C-alpha atoms as a PDB file:
ATOM      1  CA  MET A   1      -0.002   0.037   0.085  1.00  0.00           C
ATOM      2  CA  ALA A   2       2.894   2.370   0.769  1.00  0.00           C
ATOM      3  CA  THR A   3       4.354   1.888  -2.628  1.00  0.00           C
ATOM      4  CA  ASP A   4       0.992   2.796  -4.232  1.00  0.00           C
ATOM      5  CA  LYS A   5       0.930   6.117  -2.300  1.00  0.00           C
ATOM      6  CA  ARG A   6       4.182   7.355  -3.311  1.00  0.00           C
ATOM      7  CA  PRO A   7       3.508   7.988  -7.118  1.00  0.00           C
ATOM      8  CA  SER A   8       0.233   9.701  -6.137  1.00  0.00           C
ATOM      9  CA  GLY A   9       2.141  12.042  -3.848  1.00  0.00           C
ATOM     10  CA  ARG A  10       4.771  12.776  -6.727  1.00  0.00           C
ATOM     11  CA  VAL A  11       1.629  13.569  -9.088  1.00  0.00           C
ATOM     12  CA  THR A  12       0.178  15.873  -6.566  1.00  0.00           C
ATOM     13  CA  GLN A  13       3.299  17.628  -5.945  1.00  0.00           C
ATOM     14  CA  SER A  14       3.954  17.951  -9.725  1.00  0.00           C
ATOM     15  CA  LYS A  15       0.325  19.363  -9.975  1.00  0.00           C
ATOM     16  CA  LYS A  16       1.101  21.964  -7.371  1.00  0.00           C
ATOM     17  CA  GLN A  17       4.175  22.909  -9.257  1.00  0.00           C
ATOM     18  CA  ALA A  18       2.420  23.359 -12.470  1.00  0.00           C
ATOM     19  CA  ALA A  19      -0.223  25.451 -10.844  1.00  0.00           C
ATOM     20  CA  GLN A  20       2.301  27.685  -9.277  1.00  0.00           C
ATOM     21  CA  ALA A  21       3.993  28.056 -12.547  1.00  0.00           C
ATOM     22  CA  ALA A  22       0.819  28.890 -14.170  1.00  0.00           C
ATOM     23  CA  SER A  23       0.001  31.606 -11.624  1.00  0.00           C
ATOM     24  CA  VAL A  24       3.385  33.201 -12.621  1.00  0.00           C
ATOM     25  CA  VAL A  25       2.724  33.016 -16.254  1.00  0.00           C
ATOM     26  CA  VAL A  26      -0.756  34.225 -16.407  1.00  0.00           C
ATOM     27  CA  PRO A  27      -0.241  37.644 -15.002  1.00  0.00           C
ATOM     28  CA  ALA A  28       2.801  38.103 -17.254  1.00  0.00           C
ATOM     29  CA  VAL A  29       0.484  37.348 -20.234  1.00  0.00           C
ATOM     30  CA  ALA A  30      -2.236  39.614 -18.954  1.00  0.00           C
ATOM     31  CA  LYS A  31       0.213  42.347 -18.553  1.00  0.00           C
ATOM     32  CA  ASP A  32       1.509  41.994 -22.062  1.00  0.00           C
ATOM     33  CA  SER A  33      -1.992  42.122 -23.351  1.00  0.00           C
ATOM     34  CA  GLU A  34      -2.621  45.466 -21.806  1.00  0.00           C
ATOM     35  CA  PRO A  35      -2.269  48.520 -24.186  1.00  0.00           C
ATOM     36  CA  VAL A  36       0.991  50.468 -23.753  1.00  0.00           C
ATOM     37  CA  ASP A  37       1.242  54.044 -23.758  1.00  0.00           C
ATOM     38  CA  GLY A  38       1.906  54.239 -27.406  1.00  0.00           C
ATOM     39  CA  GLU A  39      -1.345  52.495 -28.108  1.00  0.00           C
ATOM     40  CA  LYS A  40      -3.420  55.045 -26.040  1.00  0.00           C
ATOM     41  CA  PRO A  41      -4.542  58.366 -27.770  1.00  0.00           C
ATOM     42  CA  THR A  42      -2.004  61.058 -27.024  1.00  0.00           C
ATOM     43  CA  TYR A  43      -4.452  63.943 -27.612  1.00  0.00           C
ATOM     44  CA  GLY A  44      -7.072  65.465 -25.569  1.00  0.00           C
ATOM     45  CA  ALA A  45      -8.767  68.889 -24.452  1.00  0.00           C
ATOM     46  CA  GLY A  46      -6.009  70.673 -26.313  1.00  0.00           C
ATOM     47  CA  ALA A  47      -6.824  68.989 -29.713  1.00  0.00           C
ATOM     48  CA  LEU A  48     -10.638  69.466 -29.227  1.00  0.00           C
ATOM     49  CA  LEU A  49      -9.992  73.227 -28.802  1.00  0.00           C
ATOM     50  CA  LEU A  50      -7.633  73.289 -31.637  1.00  0.00           C
ATOM     51  CA  THR A  51     -10.201  71.629 -33.874  1.00  0.00           C
ATOM     52  CA  PHE A  52     -12.878  74.060 -32.752  1.00  0.00           C
ATOM     53  CA  LEU A  53     -10.716  76.825 -33.590  1.00  0.00           C
ATOM     54  CA  GLY A  54      -9.318  75.460 -36.724  1.00  0.00           C
ATOM     55  CA  ALA A  55     -12.801  75.018 -38.065  1.00  0.00           C
ATOM     56  CA  GLN A  56     -13.589  78.612 -37.107  1.00  0.00           C
ATOM     57  CA  LEU A  57     -10.504  79.863 -39.049  1.00  0.00           C
ATOM     58  CA  LEU A  58     -11.387  77.970 -42.104  1.00  0.00           C
ATOM     59  CA  SER A  59     -14.815  79.304 -41.973  1.00  0.00           C
ATOM     60  CA  SER A  60     -13.630  82.741 -41.449  1.00  0.00           C
ATOM     61  CA  ILE A  61     -11.141  82.544 -44.485  1.00  0.00           C
ATOM     62  CA  ALA A  62     -13.965  81.345 -46.688  1.00  0.00           C
ATOM     63  CA  TYR A  63     -16.185  84.129 -45.559  1.00  0.00           C
ATOM     64  CA  PHE A  64     -13.513  86.766 -46.027  1.00  0.00           C
ATOM     65  CA  PHE A  65     -12.930  85.784 -49.636  1.00  0.00           C
ATOM     66  CA  ALA A  66     -16.831  85.608 -50.409  1.00  0.00           C
ATOM     67  CA  THR A  67     -17.314  89.037 -48.867  1.00  0.00           C
ATOM     68  CA  ALA A  68     -14.291  90.432 -50.742  1.00  0.00           C
ATOM     69  CA  ASN A  69     -15.486  89.209 -54.050  1.00  0.00           C
ATOM     70  CA  THR A  70     -19.360  89.417 -53.869  1.00  0.00           C
ATOM     71  CA  SER A  71     -21.945  91.838 -52.797  1.00  0.00           C
ATOM     72  CA  TYR A  72     -23.844  89.440 -50.738  1.00  0.00           C
ATOM     73  CA  ASP A  73     -24.914  89.916 -47.107  1.00  0.00           C
ATOM     74  CA  PHE A  74     -23.158  87.085 -45.117  1.00  0.00           C
ATOM     75  CA  VAL A  75     -24.110  88.569 -41.719  1.00  0.00           C
ATOM     76  CA  VAL A  76     -27.298  86.565 -41.661  1.00  0.00           C
ATOM     77  CA  PRO A  77     -27.152  83.097 -40.607  1.00  0.00           C
ATOM     78  CA  ALA A  78     -25.743  80.948 -43.416  1.00  0.00           C
ATOM     79  CA  GLY A  79     -27.455  77.737 -42.501  1.00  0.00           C
ATOM     80  CA  VAL A  80     -28.767  75.415 -39.748  1.00  0.00           C
ATOM     81  CA  GLY A  81     -25.761  74.777 -37.392  1.00  0.00           C
ATOM     82  CA  ALA A  82     -23.467  77.399 -39.319  1.00  0.00           C
ATOM     83  CA  ALA A  83     -23.667  79.991 -36.620  1.00  0.00           C
ATOM     84  CA  VAL A  84     -20.108  79.404 -35.667  1.00  0.00           C
ATOM     85  CA  GLY A  85     -19.093  80.305 -39.044  1.00  0.00           C
ATOM     86  CA  GLN A  86     -21.165  83.397 -39.056  1.00  0.00           C
ATOM     87  CA  ALA A  87     -19.744  84.588 -35.713  1.00  0.00           C
ATOM     88  CA  SER A  88     -16.309  83.920 -36.961  1.00  0.00           C
ATOM     89  CA  SER A  89     -16.702  85.859 -40.177  1.00  0.00           C
ATOM     90  CA  GLN A  90     -18.120  88.873 -38.285  1.00  0.00           C
ATOM     91  CA  PHE A  91     -15.123  88.785 -36.006  1.00  0.00           C
ATOM     92  CA  SER A  92     -12.618  88.733 -38.729  1.00  0.00           C
ATOM     93  CA  LEU A  93     -14.244  91.486 -40.603  1.00  0.00           C
ATOM     94  CA  GLN A  94     -14.812  93.608 -37.391  1.00  0.00           C
ATOM     95  CA  GLN A  95     -17.716  95.274 -39.062  1.00  0.00           C
ATOM     96  CA  THR A  96     -21.512  94.754 -39.991  1.00  0.00           C
ATOM     97  CA  LEU A  97     -21.731  94.513 -43.797  1.00  0.00           C
ATOM     98  CA  ALA A  98     -24.218  97.380 -45.209  1.00  0.00           C
ATOM     99  CA  VAL A  99     -25.480  95.277 -48.252  1.00  0.00           C
ATOM    100  CA  SER A 100     -28.747  93.533 -47.625  1.00  0.00           C
ATOM    101  CA  VAL A 101     -28.683  91.035 -50.540  1.00  0.00           C
ATOM    102  CA  PRO A 102     -28.473  87.360 -48.972  1.00  0.00           C
ATOM    103  CA  PRO A 103     -26.329  84.819 -50.650  1.00  0.00           C
ATOM    104  CA  PRO A 104     -27.877  82.270 -52.947  1.00  0.00           C
ATOM    105  CA  VAL A 105     -28.410  78.763 -51.500  1.00  0.00           C
ATOM    106  CA  TRP A 106     -25.791  77.285 -53.647  1.00  0.00           C
ATOM    107  CA  LEU A 107     -23.164  79.706 -52.266  1.00  0.00           C
ATOM    108  CA  THR A 108     -24.393  79.196 -48.715  1.00  0.00           C
ATOM    109  CA  ALA A 109     -23.914  75.321 -49.412  1.00  0.00           C
ATOM    110  CA  LEU A 110     -20.328  75.887 -50.550  1.00  0.00           C
ATOM    111  CA  MET A 111     -19.714  78.183 -47.635  1.00  0.00           C
ATOM    112  CA  GLN A 112     -20.329  75.293 -45.252  1.00  0.00           C
ATOM    113  CA  LEU A 113     -17.660  73.078 -46.666  1.00  0.00           C
ATOM    114  CA  PRO A 114     -14.657  74.719 -44.685  1.00  0.00           C
ATOM    115  CA  LEU A 115     -16.667  74.519 -41.528  1.00  0.00           C
ATOM    116  CA  TRP A 116     -17.565  70.632 -42.243  1.00  0.00           C
ATOM    117  CA  PHE A 117     -13.969  69.777 -43.139  1.00  0.00           C
ATOM    118  CA  GLY A 118     -12.835  71.526 -39.826  1.00  0.00           C
ATOM    119  CA  LEU A 119     -15.196  69.635 -37.733  1.00  0.00           C
ATOM    120  CA  GLY A 120     -14.980  66.439 -39.436  1.00  0.00           C
ATOM    121  CA  ALA A 121     -11.619  66.136 -40.929  1.00  0.00           C
ATOM    122  CA  ILE A 122      -9.248  67.262 -38.086  1.00  0.00           C
ATOM    123  CA  PRO A 123     -10.662  64.853 -35.556  1.00  0.00           C
ATOM    124  CA  ILE A 124     -10.273  62.026 -38.007  1.00  0.00           C
ATOM    125  CA  TRP A 125      -6.617  63.298 -38.618  1.00  0.00           C
ATOM    126  CA  PHE A 126      -5.975  63.271 -34.785  1.00  0.00           C
ATOM    127  CA  ALA A 127      -7.593  59.865 -34.371  1.00  0.00           C
ATOM    128  CA  VAL A 128      -5.253  58.332 -37.249  1.00  0.00           C
ATOM    129  CA  LYS A 129      -2.095  60.059 -36.364  1.00  0.00           C
ATOM    130  CA  ARG A 130      -2.262  60.556 -32.625  1.00  0.00           C
ATOM    131  CA  GLY A 131      -4.762  57.850 -31.591  1.00  0.00           C
ATOM    132  CA  ARG A 132      -5.956  54.287 -32.307  1.00  0.00           C
ATOM    133  CA  GLY A 133      -7.963  54.943 -35.631  1.00  0.00           C
ATOM    134  CA  VAL A 134     -11.172  56.416 -36.299  1.00  0.00           C
ATOM    135  CA  VAL A 135     -13.103  53.325 -35.190  1.00  0.00           C
ATOM    136  CA  ALA A 136     -11.502  53.133 -31.804  1.00  0.00           C
ATOM    137  CA  ASP A 137     -11.330  56.736 -31.078  1.00  0.00           C
ATOM    138  CA  LEU A 138     -14.282  58.242 -32.783  1.00  0.00           C
ATOM    139  CA  GLY A 139     -16.581  55.281 -33.227  1.00  0.00           C
ATOM    140  CA  LEU A 140     -16.875  56.105 -36.821  1.00  0.00           C
ATOM    141  CA  ARG A 141     -18.666  52.799 -38.265  1.00  0.00           C
ATOM    142  CA  PHE A 142     -22.061  52.009 -39.599  1.00  0.00           C
ATOM    143  CA  ARG A 143     -24.312  48.996 -39.560  1.00  0.00           C
ATOM    144  CA  ALA A 144     -27.367  48.316 -41.603  1.00  0.00           C
ATOM    145  CA  ILE A 145     -29.674  48.470 -38.463  1.00  0.00           C
ATOM    146  CA  ASP A 146     -28.273  52.107 -37.813  1.00  0.00           C
ATOM    147  CA  ALA A 147     -30.606  53.826 -40.440  1.00  0.00           C
ATOM    148  CA  PRO A 148     -34.015  52.695 -39.306  1.00  0.00           C
ATOM    149  CA  ILE A 149     -33.081  53.092 -35.643  1.00  0.00           C
ATOM    150  CA  GLY A 150     -31.345  56.437 -35.992  1.00  0.00           C
ATOM    151  CA  LEU A 151     -34.206  57.798 -38.320  1.00  0.00           C
ATOM    152  CA  ALA A 152     -36.916  56.727 -36.130  1.00  0.00           C
ATOM    153  CA  ILE A 153     -35.284  58.309 -33.026  1.00  0.00           C
ATOM    154  CA  GLY A 154     -34.335  61.553 -34.998  1.00  0.00           C
ATOM    155  CA  VAL A 155     -37.800  62.284 -36.343  1.00  0.00           C
ATOM    156  CA  ALA A 156     -39.469  61.369 -33.010  1.00  0.00           C
ATOM    157  CA  CYS A 157     -37.315  63.782 -31.192  1.00  0.00           C
ATOM    158  CA  GLN A 158     -38.197  66.519 -33.811  1.00  0.00           C
ATOM    159  CA  LEU A 159     -41.841  65.661 -33.650  1.00  0.00           C
ATOM    160  CA  LEU A 160     -42.481  65.053 -30.037  1.00  0.00           C
ATOM    161  CA  LEU A 161     -39.466  65.943 -27.785  1.00  0.00           C
ATOM    162  CA  VAL A 162     -38.860  69.468 -29.370  1.00  0.00           C
ATOM    163  CA  PRO A 163     -42.676  70.484 -29.189  1.00  0.00           C
ATOM    164  CA  ALA A 164     -42.956  69.244 -25.635  1.00  0.00           C
ATOM    165  CA  ILE A 165     -39.958  71.222 -24.607  1.00  0.00           C
ATOM    166  CA  TYR A 166     -41.341  74.573 -26.114  1.00  0.00           C
ATOM    167  CA  ILE A 167     -44.879  73.975 -24.985  1.00  0.00           C
ATOM    168  CA  LEU A 168     -43.452  73.914 -21.483  1.00  0.00           C
ATOM    169  CA  LEU A 169     -41.034  77.033 -21.895  1.00  0.00           C
ATOM    170  CA  SER A 170     -43.685  79.027 -23.714  1.00  0.00           C
ATOM    171  CA  LYS A 171     -45.499  79.447 -20.349  1.00  0.00           C
ATOM    172  CA  ILE A 172     -42.412  81.191 -19.161  1.00  0.00           C
ATOM    173  CA  ILE A 173     -40.972  82.912 -22.011  1.00  0.00           C
ATOM    174  CA  GLY A 174     -43.964  83.456 -24.086  1.00  0.00           C
ATOM    175  CA  VAL A 175     -44.490  82.519 -27.754  1.00  0.00           C
ATOM    176  CA  LYS A 176     -41.277  83.207 -29.825  1.00  0.00           C
ATOM    177  CA  ASP A 177     -39.963  82.750 -33.239  1.00  0.00           C
ATOM    178  CA  ILE A 178     -37.584  80.026 -32.528  1.00  0.00           C
ATOM    179  CA  SER A 179     -37.053  79.136 -36.116  1.00  0.00           C
ATOM    180  CA  ALA A 180     -36.073  82.544 -37.422  1.00  0.00           C
ATOM    181  CA  ALA A 181     -32.424  81.639 -38.299  1.00  0.00           C
ATOM    182  CA  ALA A 182     -33.505  78.374 -40.069  1.00  0.00           C
ATOM    183  CA  ARG A 183     -36.413  80.110 -41.841  1.00  0.00           C
ATOM    184  CA  GLU A 184     -34.140  82.745 -43.404  1.00  0.00           C
ATOM    185  CA  LEU A 185     -32.377  80.016 -45.170  1.00  0.00           C
ATOM    186  CA  THR A 186     -35.418  78.076 -46.278  1.00  0.00           C
ATOM    187  CA  ASP A 187     -37.259  81.211 -47.599  1.00  0.00           C
ATOM    188  CA  ARG A 188     -34.462  81.413 -50.269  1.00  0.00           C
ATOM    189  CA  ALA A 189     -35.067  77.732 -51.221  1.00  0.00           C
ATOM    190  CA  SER A 190     -37.737  78.525 -53.867  1.00  0.00           C
ATOM    191  CA  SER A 191     -36.278  76.443 -56.904  1.00  0.00           C
ATOM    192  CA  PRO A 192     -36.001  72.509 -56.935  1.00  0.00           C
ATOM    193  CA  ILE A 193     -32.157  72.840 -57.193  1.00  0.00           C
ATOM    194  CA  SER A 194     -32.164  75.214 -54.108  1.00  0.00           C
ATOM    195  CA  ILE A 195     -34.330  72.830 -52.192  1.00  0.00           C
ATOM    196  CA  ILE A 196     -32.030  69.904 -53.013  1.00  0.00           C
ATOM    197  CA  LEU A 197     -29.016  71.923 -51.844  1.00  0.00           C
ATOM    198  CA  LEU A 198     -30.825  72.971 -48.651  1.00  0.00           C
ATOM    199  CA  PHE A 199     -31.566  69.179 -47.784  1.00  0.00           C
ATOM    200  CA  LEU A 200     -28.006  68.570 -48.668  1.00  0.00           C
ATOM    201  CA  ILE A 201     -26.769  71.274 -46.135  1.00  0.00           C
ATOM    202  CA  VAL A 202     -28.828  70.163 -43.214  1.00  0.00           C
ATOM    203  CA  GLY A 203     -29.374  66.624 -43.956  1.00  0.00           C
ATOM    204  CA  ILE A 204     -25.923  65.507 -44.843  1.00  0.00           C
ATOM    205  CA  GLY A 205     -23.215  67.819 -44.076  1.00  0.00           C
ATOM    206  CA  ALA A 206     -24.204  68.987 -40.761  1.00  0.00           C
ATOM    207  CA  PRO A 207     -25.039  65.416 -39.147  1.00  0.00           C
ATOM    208  CA  ILE A 208     -21.631  63.899 -40.320  1.00  0.00           C
ATOM    209  CA  ALA A 209     -19.465  66.629 -39.389  1.00  0.00           C
ATOM    210  CA  GLU A 210     -21.077  67.515 -36.198  1.00  0.00           C
ATOM    211  CA  GLU A 211     -21.395  63.943 -35.025  1.00  0.00           C
ATOM    212  CA  ILE A 212     -17.695  63.252 -35.696  1.00  0.00           C
ATOM    213  CA  TYR A 213     -16.622  66.194 -33.647  1.00  0.00           C
ATOM    214  CA  PHE A 214     -19.237  66.398 -30.706  1.00  0.00           C
ATOM    215  CA  ARG A 215     -20.069  62.821 -30.039  1.00  0.00           C
ATOM    216  CA  GLY A 216     -16.913  61.086 -31.594  1.00  0.00           C
ATOM    217  CA  MET A 217     -14.156  63.508 -30.456  1.00  0.00           C
ATOM    218  CA  ALA A 218     -15.582  65.709 -27.813  1.00  0.00           C
ATOM    219  CA  GLN A 219     -17.663  63.268 -25.844  1.00  0.00           C
ATOM    220  CA  THR A 220     -14.930  60.613 -25.976  1.00  0.00           C
ATOM    221  CA  ILE A 221     -12.435  63.201 -24.522  1.00  0.00           C
ATOM    222  CA  PHE A 222     -14.897  64.204 -21.933  1.00  0.00           C
ATOM    223  CA  GLY A 223     -15.310  60.484 -21.052  1.00  0.00           C
ATOM    224  CA  ARG A 224     -11.843  60.111 -19.929  1.00  0.00           C
ATOM    225  CA  ARG A 225     -12.311  62.443 -17.095  1.00  0.00           C
ATOM    226  CA  LEU A 226     -15.902  62.132 -16.337  1.00  0.00           C
ATOM    227  CA  ARG A 227     -18.426  59.387 -15.885  1.00  0.00           C
ATOM    228  CA  PRO A 228     -20.494  58.668 -18.842  1.00  0.00           C
ATOM    229  CA  HIS A 229     -23.572  60.651 -18.021  1.00  0.00           C
ATOM    230  CA  TRP A 230     -21.457  63.736 -17.348  1.00  0.00           C
ATOM    231  CA  ALA A 231     -19.707  63.170 -20.513  1.00  0.00           C
ATOM    232  CA  ILE A 232     -22.826  62.935 -22.379  1.00  0.00           C
ATOM    233  CA  LEU A 233     -24.320  66.127 -20.869  1.00  0.00           C
ATOM    234  CA  ALA A 234     -21.100  68.039 -21.234  1.00  0.00           C
ATOM    235  CA  ALA A 235     -20.989  67.251 -24.955  1.00  0.00           C
ATOM    236  CA  ALA A 236     -24.639  67.985 -25.352  1.00  0.00           C
ATOM    237  CA  ALA A 237     -24.047  71.258 -23.796  1.00  0.00           C
ATOM    238  CA  PHE A 238     -21.001  72.150 -26.003  1.00  0.00           C
ATOM    239  CA  PHE A 239     -23.166  71.171 -28.903  1.00  0.00           C
ATOM    240  CA  ALA A 240     -25.988  73.413 -28.084  1.00  0.00           C
ATOM    241  CA  ALA A 241     -24.025  76.413 -27.083  1.00  0.00           C
ATOM    242  CA  THR A 242     -21.999  76.512 -30.336  1.00  0.00           C
ATOM    243  CA  HIS A 243     -25.093  77.078 -32.374  1.00  0.00           C
ATOM    244  CA  LEU A 244     -25.320  80.363 -30.790  1.00  0.00           C
ATOM    245  CA  GLN A 245     -29.248  80.394 -30.778  1.00  0.00           C
ATOM    246  CA  PRO A 246     -30.207  80.971 -26.947  1.00  0.00           C
ATOM    247  CA  LEU A 247     -33.991  80.210 -27.671  1.00  0.00           C
ATOM    248  CA  GLN A 248     -33.216  76.892 -29.466  1.00  0.00           C
ATOM    249  CA  PHE A 249     -30.503  75.920 -26.700  1.00  0.00           C
ATOM    250  CA  PRO A 250     -32.869  73.810 -24.470  1.00  0.00           C
ATOM    251  CA  ALA A 251     -34.054  71.648 -27.449  1.00  0.00           C
ATOM    252  CA  LEU A 252     -30.415  71.321 -28.805  1.00  0.00           C
ATOM    253  CA  LEU A 253     -29.388  70.244 -25.245  1.00  0.00           C
ATOM    254  CA  ALA A 254     -32.090  67.745 -25.074  1.00  0.00           C
ATOM    255  CA  PHE A 255     -31.391  66.336 -28.454  1.00  0.00           C
ATOM    256  CA  GLY A 256     -27.660  66.549 -27.998  1.00  0.00           C
ATOM    257  CA  ALA A 257     -28.153  64.302 -24.851  1.00  0.00           C
ATOM    258  CA  VAL A 258     -30.191  61.777 -26.884  1.00  0.00           C
ATOM    259  CA  LEU A 259     -27.435  61.620 -29.497  1.00  0.00           C
ATOM    260  CA  GLY A 260     -24.842  61.095 -26.805  1.00  0.00           C
ATOM    261  CA  VAL A 261     -26.809  58.258 -25.145  1.00  0.00           C
ATOM    262  CA  MET A 262     -26.883  56.693 -28.528  1.00  0.00           C
ATOM    263  CA  ARG A 263     -23.211  57.043 -29.144  1.00  0.00           C
ATOM    264  CA  TRP A 264     -22.524  55.615 -25.665  1.00  0.00           C
ATOM    265  CA  ARG A 265     -25.027  52.655 -25.876  1.00  0.00           C
ATOM    266  CA  PHE A 266     -24.381  51.470 -29.333  1.00  0.00           C
ATOM    267  CA  GLY A 267     -20.652  52.191 -29.205  1.00  0.00           C
ATOM    268  CA  ARG A 268     -20.437  53.875 -32.510  1.00  0.00           C
ATOM    269  CA  LEU A 269     -21.558  56.960 -34.354  1.00  0.00           C
ATOM    270  CA  GLY A 270     -23.758  55.378 -37.014  1.00  0.00           C
ATOM    271  CA  PRO A 271     -27.047  55.629 -35.127  1.00  0.00           C
ATOM    272  CA  SER A 272     -26.447  59.002 -33.923  1.00  0.00           C
ATOM    273  CA  ILE A 273     -25.576  60.385 -37.449  1.00  0.00           C
ATOM    274  CA  TRP A 274     -28.859  58.824 -38.773  1.00  0.00           C
ATOM    275  CA  ALA A 275     -30.790  60.371 -36.012  1.00  0.00           C
ATOM    276  CA  HIS A 276     -29.173  63.862 -36.643  1.00  0.00           C
ATOM    277  CA  LEU A 277     -30.039  63.499 -40.352  1.00  0.00           C
ATOM    278  CA  GLY A 278     -33.609  62.647 -39.608  1.00  0.00           C
ATOM    279  CA  PHE A 279     -34.069  65.525 -37.161  1.00  0.00           C
ATOM    280  CA  ASN A 280     -32.582  67.977 -39.541  1.00  0.00           C
ATOM    281  CA  VAL A 281     -34.571  66.891 -42.602  1.00  0.00           C
ATOM    282  CA  VAL A 282     -37.967  66.957 -40.869  1.00  0.00           C
ATOM    283  CA  ALA A 283     -37.213  70.444 -39.641  1.00  0.00           C
ATOM    284  CA  ALA A 284     -36.065  71.689 -43.031  1.00  0.00           C
ATOM    285  CA  ALA A 285     -39.175  70.087 -44.678  1.00  0.00           C
ATOM    286  CA  SER A 286     -41.388  71.670 -42.095  1.00  0.00           C
ATOM    287  CA  LEU A 287     -40.122  75.231 -42.955  1.00  0.00           C
ATOM    288  CA  VAL A 288     -39.855  74.655 -46.762  1.00  0.00           C
ATOM    289  CA  PHE A 289     -43.418  73.167 -47.278  1.00  0.00           C
ATOM    290  CA  ASN A 290     -45.092  75.068 -44.299  1.00  0.00           C
ATOM    291  CA  LEU A 291     -45.971  71.841 -42.555  1.00  0.00           C
ATOM    292  CA  GLY A 292     -46.114  73.441 -39.120  1.00  0.00           C
ATOM    293  CA  ILE A 293     -44.065  70.832 -37.606  1.00  0.00           C
ATOM    294  CA  GLY A 294     -41.716  71.580 -34.447  1.00  0.00           C
END
C-alpha cells in the first residue's frame, strides 16, 4: 500500500508545481495584453480646442474671400448649425456689412464646406495620427440597422421632444419665433435645385461633421475624465452652445443628450448620425413646405 501512495504524492506535487508556474505565467501574459502608452490616444482637450478654432479659422477665411468678391450679405445666418462660421466671419471682418442681399443657396452650401472639413476632418486626423484610429477613438462605423433606428429616433425627437420642450417653456418665455435663423435660409430655397441643396446642407453635411466632432471626439475626450452621463451632458451642452441660438438651446441640449446616449449605448456613431439626419431633414421640410412641425 505504501508503494501505491508514493506515485500519487509525486503526481500531486507536480500538479502543485504546475499550478504555481501557471500563476506566474498568467499575470505576465495579461500584462503583455494591456495597451501600452503608445497605443493610447495622445491627444485630449487641447486637440478638441484646436479643432474648434481650426474650423472657425477655415470658415473665417471662406467668408472673407466671399465678402471680398461678392456683394452678398453674409451677416445673416448661413444655415442650420452654421452660426459658428457666421460669428467667426463677423469677428474677422470687425464690421457689419451694409449690403442686404442674402447669398444664394448654392453659395451658402459651398460656404459650409470649410466648417464641415474642420469639424470632420481634423478629428479624423488626430484619431489616425495620434490615436488608435477612427473606429476606436471616434466610433466612426455603421451597420445596416443604424439607419432605421437612427431615423426613427431623430424624427421622434423633432416631432415629440422639441414641441414638448417649447410648450413647457412657452408658459415662461411666451411665444417666440425660434425658427427665425433656419427660416431665413429656407425662404431662399424656392427652386428645385435650391431645395435639394438645402437638404444636402442640413441633412448630410451637418449631421456627419457635427457627430464626428461632438459625439465622436468631444464626448470621448470628456469621457476620459468624467462618468458617462456627465460626459454625455457636457458634449450636449457644448453642441447646443456652439449654435449660438439662445432660444433653441434647450431643445438642442436635449437632442444632443439623446445623441450622446446613442453614441454611448451603441458604441459607434452610425445611429446618432442617422438620428441627426432625420431630425434636421424633418425641420427643413417643415419650414420649406410650411408643415407647421416643431
